[in-house]
Protein backbone atom coordinates (compact mmCIF):
# COMPACT_ATOMS: atom_id res chain seq x y z
CA MET A 1 -116.35 145.45 -138.46
CA ALA A 2 -115.59 147.05 -141.94
CA ASN A 3 -113.40 144.90 -144.53
CA ASP A 4 -110.43 146.95 -145.13
CA THR A 5 -108.90 144.20 -147.01
CA VAL A 6 -109.00 146.42 -150.49
CA LEU A 7 -108.92 150.03 -149.49
CA LEU A 8 -110.31 153.13 -152.12
CA GLU A 9 -108.99 156.89 -151.35
CA VAL A 10 -109.44 159.66 -154.24
CA ARG A 11 -107.35 162.56 -153.68
CA ASP A 12 -107.24 165.59 -156.60
CA GLY A 13 -109.69 163.40 -159.31
CA ILE A 14 -107.06 160.66 -158.47
CA ALA A 15 -108.05 157.25 -156.66
CA THR A 16 -106.34 154.95 -155.73
CA LEU A 17 -107.36 151.19 -155.24
CA THR A 18 -105.00 149.57 -152.86
CA LEU A 19 -105.11 145.71 -151.73
CA ASN A 20 -104.55 145.75 -148.70
CA ARG A 21 -103.25 142.41 -147.25
CA PRO A 22 -99.28 143.36 -146.42
CA GLN A 23 -98.74 140.42 -144.20
CA ALA A 24 -100.24 137.93 -146.68
CA MET A 25 -98.49 139.56 -149.54
CA ASN A 26 -101.75 141.14 -150.51
CA SER A 27 -103.12 137.72 -151.10
CA LEU A 28 -107.12 136.53 -152.24
CA GLY A 29 -109.40 135.12 -150.47
CA GLN A 30 -113.11 135.14 -149.54
CA GLU A 31 -113.47 138.45 -147.85
CA MET A 32 -110.78 139.87 -149.91
CA SER A 33 -113.58 139.17 -153.19
CA ARG A 34 -116.09 140.32 -151.49
CA ALA A 35 -113.95 143.95 -150.32
CA LEU A 36 -112.71 144.14 -153.90
CA LEU A 37 -115.94 144.07 -155.50
CA ALA A 38 -117.52 146.90 -153.46
CA ARG A 39 -114.37 148.76 -153.70
CA MET A 40 -114.86 148.60 -157.38
CA GLN A 41 -118.16 149.22 -157.18
CA GLU A 42 -118.22 152.19 -155.25
CA LEU A 43 -115.59 153.41 -157.85
CA ALA A 44 -117.69 153.40 -160.44
CA ALA A 45 -120.44 155.18 -158.96
CA ARG A 46 -117.39 157.90 -157.52
CA GLU A 47 -118.10 161.47 -159.45
CA GLY A 48 -114.55 163.77 -160.30
CA VAL A 49 -112.44 160.57 -160.33
CA ARG A 50 -110.14 161.47 -163.69
CA VAL A 51 -107.66 158.50 -163.17
CA VAL A 52 -107.57 155.42 -160.73
CA VAL A 53 -104.16 153.72 -159.64
CA VAL A 54 -104.40 150.34 -158.58
CA THR A 55 -101.29 149.17 -156.07
CA GLY A 56 -100.57 146.29 -152.73
CA ALA A 57 -99.73 147.94 -149.42
CA GLY A 58 -96.63 146.90 -147.91
CA ASP A 59 -93.85 145.03 -150.37
CA HIS A 60 -95.96 143.42 -153.05
CA PHE A 61 -98.89 143.99 -155.46
CA MET A 62 -100.51 140.22 -155.02
CA ALA A 63 -99.15 136.89 -154.34
CA GLY A 64 -102.20 135.57 -155.58
CA GLY A 65 -104.67 133.30 -154.15
CA ASP A 66 -104.63 132.64 -150.11
CA ILE A 67 -103.17 128.80 -150.13
CA LYS A 68 -102.97 128.86 -146.32
CA GLU A 69 -107.02 129.54 -147.01
CA PHE A 70 -107.51 126.85 -149.73
CA ARG A 71 -105.66 124.23 -147.66
CA GLY A 72 -108.47 125.13 -144.56
CA MET A 73 -110.53 124.29 -147.53
CA LEU A 74 -109.14 120.35 -148.68
CA ALA A 75 -111.07 118.60 -145.44
CA ALA A 76 -114.35 119.74 -147.28
CA ALA A 77 -115.80 117.31 -150.26
CA PRO A 78 -114.73 118.51 -153.72
CA ALA A 79 -118.08 119.07 -154.57
CA GLU A 80 -117.95 121.37 -151.73
CA ARG A 81 -115.05 122.85 -153.12
CA GLU A 82 -116.61 123.33 -156.03
CA SER A 83 -119.25 125.18 -155.22
CA ALA A 84 -117.13 127.65 -152.95
CA PHE A 85 -114.34 128.59 -156.03
CA ARG A 86 -117.56 129.04 -158.33
CA GLY A 87 -119.19 131.42 -156.16
CA MET A 88 -116.81 133.10 -154.74
CA ILE A 89 -115.08 133.47 -158.51
CA GLY A 90 -118.84 134.05 -160.02
CA GLU A 91 -120.05 136.48 -157.60
CA TYR A 92 -117.15 138.42 -156.71
CA ILE A 93 -113.89 138.25 -158.92
CA ASN A 94 -115.68 138.16 -162.65
CA PRO A 95 -118.03 141.05 -161.84
CA ALA A 96 -115.29 143.52 -160.33
CA VAL A 97 -112.68 142.54 -163.53
CA GLU A 98 -115.43 143.61 -165.64
CA ILE A 99 -115.90 147.14 -163.73
CA LEU A 100 -112.19 147.56 -163.82
CA ARG A 101 -112.81 146.83 -167.77
CA GLY A 102 -115.18 149.40 -168.43
CA LEU A 103 -113.99 152.37 -166.26
CA PRO A 104 -113.83 155.33 -168.41
CA GLN A 105 -110.68 156.17 -166.80
CA PRO A 106 -107.30 155.72 -167.21
CA VAL A 107 -106.02 152.70 -165.68
CA VAL A 108 -102.50 152.97 -163.74
CA GLY A 109 -101.19 149.47 -162.05
CA LYS A 110 -98.71 149.92 -159.61
CA VAL A 111 -96.07 146.69 -159.60
CA ARG A 112 -93.58 145.90 -156.77
CA GLY A 113 -92.49 142.57 -155.51
CA ALA A 114 -94.71 139.33 -155.96
CA CYS A 115 -97.11 139.35 -158.95
CA ALA A 116 -98.59 136.40 -159.51
CA GLY A 117 -101.66 134.55 -159.84
CA PHE A 118 -104.89 136.40 -159.81
CA GLY A 119 -102.30 140.08 -158.98
CA PHE A 120 -100.84 138.87 -162.77
CA SER A 121 -104.30 139.00 -164.09
CA LEU A 122 -105.80 142.14 -162.51
CA MET A 123 -102.15 143.75 -163.53
CA LEU A 124 -103.23 142.77 -167.41
CA GLY A 125 -106.43 144.14 -166.96
CA CYS A 126 -105.22 147.61 -166.44
CA ASP A 127 -104.03 149.91 -169.23
CA LEU A 128 -100.94 150.86 -168.11
CA VAL A 129 -98.30 149.64 -165.98
CA VAL A 130 -95.46 150.80 -163.78
CA ALA A 131 -92.74 148.68 -162.00
CA ALA A 132 -90.20 148.69 -159.82
CA ASP A 133 -86.71 146.93 -160.64
CA ASN A 134 -87.85 144.33 -157.50
CA ALA A 135 -91.26 143.16 -159.41
CA TYR A 136 -91.49 139.72 -159.97
CA PHE A 137 -94.49 137.93 -162.14
CA THR A 138 -96.13 134.38 -162.53
CA THR A 139 -98.80 133.26 -163.57
CA GLY A 140 -98.64 130.77 -160.97
CA TYR A 141 -101.84 128.49 -161.78
CA SER A 142 -100.36 125.18 -162.97
CA LEU A 143 -98.38 124.70 -159.68
CA LEU A 144 -101.62 124.81 -158.21
CA GLY A 145 -103.21 122.45 -160.34
CA THR A 146 -105.85 124.92 -161.40
CA THR A 147 -106.18 127.30 -164.27
CA ALA A 148 -106.51 130.94 -164.42
CA ASP A 149 -109.27 133.64 -163.13
CA GLY A 150 -109.62 137.15 -163.30
CA GLY A 151 -109.30 137.20 -167.09
CA GLY A 152 -106.20 135.78 -167.60
CA THR A 153 -106.51 133.44 -170.53
CA TYR A 154 -108.48 136.78 -171.92
CA PHE A 155 -105.73 139.56 -171.38
CA LEU A 156 -102.57 137.38 -171.90
CA PRO A 157 -102.93 135.86 -175.55
CA ARG A 158 -103.92 140.07 -176.77
CA ALA A 159 -101.03 140.91 -175.18
CA VAL A 160 -98.41 138.56 -176.27
CA GLY A 161 -100.09 136.02 -178.99
CA ALA A 162 -101.29 132.55 -178.46
CA ARG A 163 -98.00 130.94 -178.39
CA LYS A 164 -96.60 132.60 -176.14
CA ALA A 165 -99.54 132.95 -173.50
CA ALA A 166 -100.22 129.20 -174.01
CA GLU A 167 -95.80 129.12 -172.24
CA LEU A 168 -96.85 131.67 -169.42
CA MET A 169 -99.64 129.97 -168.79
CA LEU A 170 -98.97 125.95 -168.55
CA LEU A 171 -94.91 126.58 -167.64
CA ALA A 172 -95.78 129.48 -164.87
CA ASP A 173 -92.17 130.65 -164.94
CA ARG A 174 -91.00 133.20 -162.57
CA LEU A 175 -89.90 136.32 -164.69
CA ASP A 176 -88.50 139.95 -163.72
CA ALA A 177 -89.23 142.75 -164.58
CA GLY A 178 -87.04 143.51 -167.45
CA GLU A 179 -88.62 140.23 -169.20
CA VAL A 180 -92.07 141.35 -168.85
CA LEU A 181 -91.28 144.52 -169.87
CA GLY A 182 -89.73 143.27 -173.15
CA LEU A 183 -93.02 141.23 -173.98
CA GLY A 184 -94.95 144.20 -173.83
CA LEU A 185 -96.62 143.69 -170.85
CA ILE A 186 -96.28 146.24 -168.36
CA ASN A 187 -95.09 149.93 -169.73
CA ARG A 188 -92.11 151.26 -167.44
CA VAL A 189 -88.95 149.94 -164.90
CA VAL A 190 -88.13 152.16 -162.47
CA PRO A 191 -85.98 151.87 -159.53
CA LEU A 192 -88.26 150.83 -156.70
CA ALA A 193 -87.05 154.22 -154.72
CA GLY A 194 -88.51 155.80 -157.37
CA LEU A 195 -91.92 154.13 -158.33
CA ASP A 196 -94.13 156.08 -156.13
CA ALA A 197 -92.82 159.28 -157.49
CA GLU A 198 -93.15 157.91 -161.24
CA CYS A 199 -96.73 156.61 -160.96
CA ASP A 200 -97.62 159.97 -159.09
CA ARG A 201 -96.32 161.72 -161.94
CA LEU A 202 -98.09 159.80 -164.91
CA ALA A 203 -101.43 159.77 -162.82
CA ARG A 204 -101.17 163.46 -162.31
CA ARG A 205 -100.51 163.65 -166.37
CA LEU A 206 -103.56 161.38 -166.86
CA ALA A 207 -105.71 163.25 -164.45
CA ALA A 208 -104.84 166.63 -166.52
CA GLY A 209 -105.64 165.14 -169.94
CA PRO A 210 -108.98 164.93 -171.57
CA ALA A 211 -110.95 162.82 -169.96
CA ARG A 212 -113.97 162.15 -172.58
CA ALA A 213 -111.52 161.60 -175.09
CA TYR A 214 -109.01 158.73 -173.15
CA ALA A 215 -112.62 157.60 -172.35
CA GLY A 216 -113.40 157.09 -176.14
CA ALA A 217 -109.85 155.74 -176.74
CA LYS A 218 -110.51 152.94 -174.08
CA ARG A 219 -113.65 151.98 -175.74
CA LEU A 220 -112.04 152.12 -179.17
CA LEU A 221 -109.22 149.94 -178.35
CA ASN A 222 -111.41 147.79 -176.42
CA ALA A 223 -113.12 146.70 -179.18
CA SER A 224 -110.97 146.44 -181.84
CA LEU A 225 -110.18 142.98 -181.29
CA THR A 226 -113.90 141.51 -182.10
CA SER A 227 -114.79 144.47 -184.83
CA THR A 228 -114.25 144.15 -188.42
CA LEU A 229 -112.65 147.19 -190.05
CA ALA A 230 -115.58 148.67 -191.14
CA ASP A 231 -117.25 148.66 -187.81
CA GLN A 232 -114.15 149.67 -186.13
CA LEU A 233 -113.31 153.06 -188.93
CA ARG A 234 -117.38 154.26 -187.93
CA ALA A 235 -116.76 153.75 -184.39
CA GLU A 236 -114.00 155.73 -185.27
CA GLY A 237 -115.95 158.52 -186.99
CA GLU A 238 -118.44 158.76 -184.48
CA SER A 239 -116.03 158.79 -181.31
CA PHE A 240 -113.99 161.70 -182.90
CA GLY A 241 -117.40 163.50 -183.68
CA ARG A 242 -118.12 163.47 -180.19
CA CYS A 243 -115.04 164.59 -178.93
CA SER A 244 -114.85 167.80 -181.47
CA ALA A 245 -117.71 168.60 -179.63
CA THR A 246 -116.47 169.14 -176.11
CA GLY A 247 -114.72 171.90 -174.59
CA ASP A 248 -111.70 170.26 -174.55
CA PHE A 249 -111.01 169.91 -178.04
CA ALA A 250 -111.74 173.91 -177.96
CA GLU A 251 -108.72 174.38 -175.77
CA GLY A 252 -106.63 171.69 -177.28
CA VAL A 253 -106.90 172.98 -181.23
CA SER A 254 -106.64 176.85 -179.66
CA ALA A 255 -103.44 175.73 -177.50
CA PHE A 256 -101.71 174.05 -180.70
CA ILE A 257 -102.55 177.32 -182.22
CA GLU A 258 -101.10 179.73 -179.45
CA LYS A 259 -97.96 177.28 -179.12
CA ARG A 260 -98.86 176.40 -175.11
CA LYS A 261 -99.45 173.80 -173.42
CA PRO A 262 -103.63 172.73 -173.13
CA SER A 263 -105.37 173.44 -169.86
CA PHE A 264 -108.28 170.45 -169.98
CA LYS A 265 -111.45 170.58 -168.37
CA GLY A 266 -112.60 166.89 -168.85
CA GLY A 267 -115.83 168.46 -170.91
């Protein structure tokens, strides 16, 4: 039987990746981990995708790991549990997150309800995030006596600084959408009833944008925190040069001079 715990749909250049266990608040277990990697691999290989939206089915984004599944593993010896979790994270979760971050397309997180644990890390891995006003957020890991996965300890200090990241990881307090917006971890908060429409508008705007310029901007931003100023300046020059050779650059310049909206084709 097909694993439908993560769905992928592509329409009009917009790929929607849906965490699909609404009956369990989209919590993550072994089966969903495998599906997430499979869908990410499929997404990376798809042509014609201009923007990616990551969301959860039902009332929640993702409530973290599947605690019921974890409880079922407690009967195993400690060494067996360690091996099982190392395997799930190393074989499925880590490669999926690396693919997500390596995508050239803009990735938009659409968050409602719970965003906790791995869901929190996954949200941090998106380029832009729009949240409903009913969304709530927590790292959650320390409440289970464990540490983060999914890149949480990589993304969080880069977004809020080491001191605040330590507070969020160690205390695992629950934050509402307004608090998380104030920390700069999400971009917009909208009423729950308007979340789908707002994300659709944003996705369509990005899908109509200059795809190669977006890919270059993502590449530069991802490299910036480990590059020297000289290396970053050099990379910027190279990227600008590549962009100047595209049809989208010619269209952008022409549209500016002609005082009209550009019509980018992605080339």
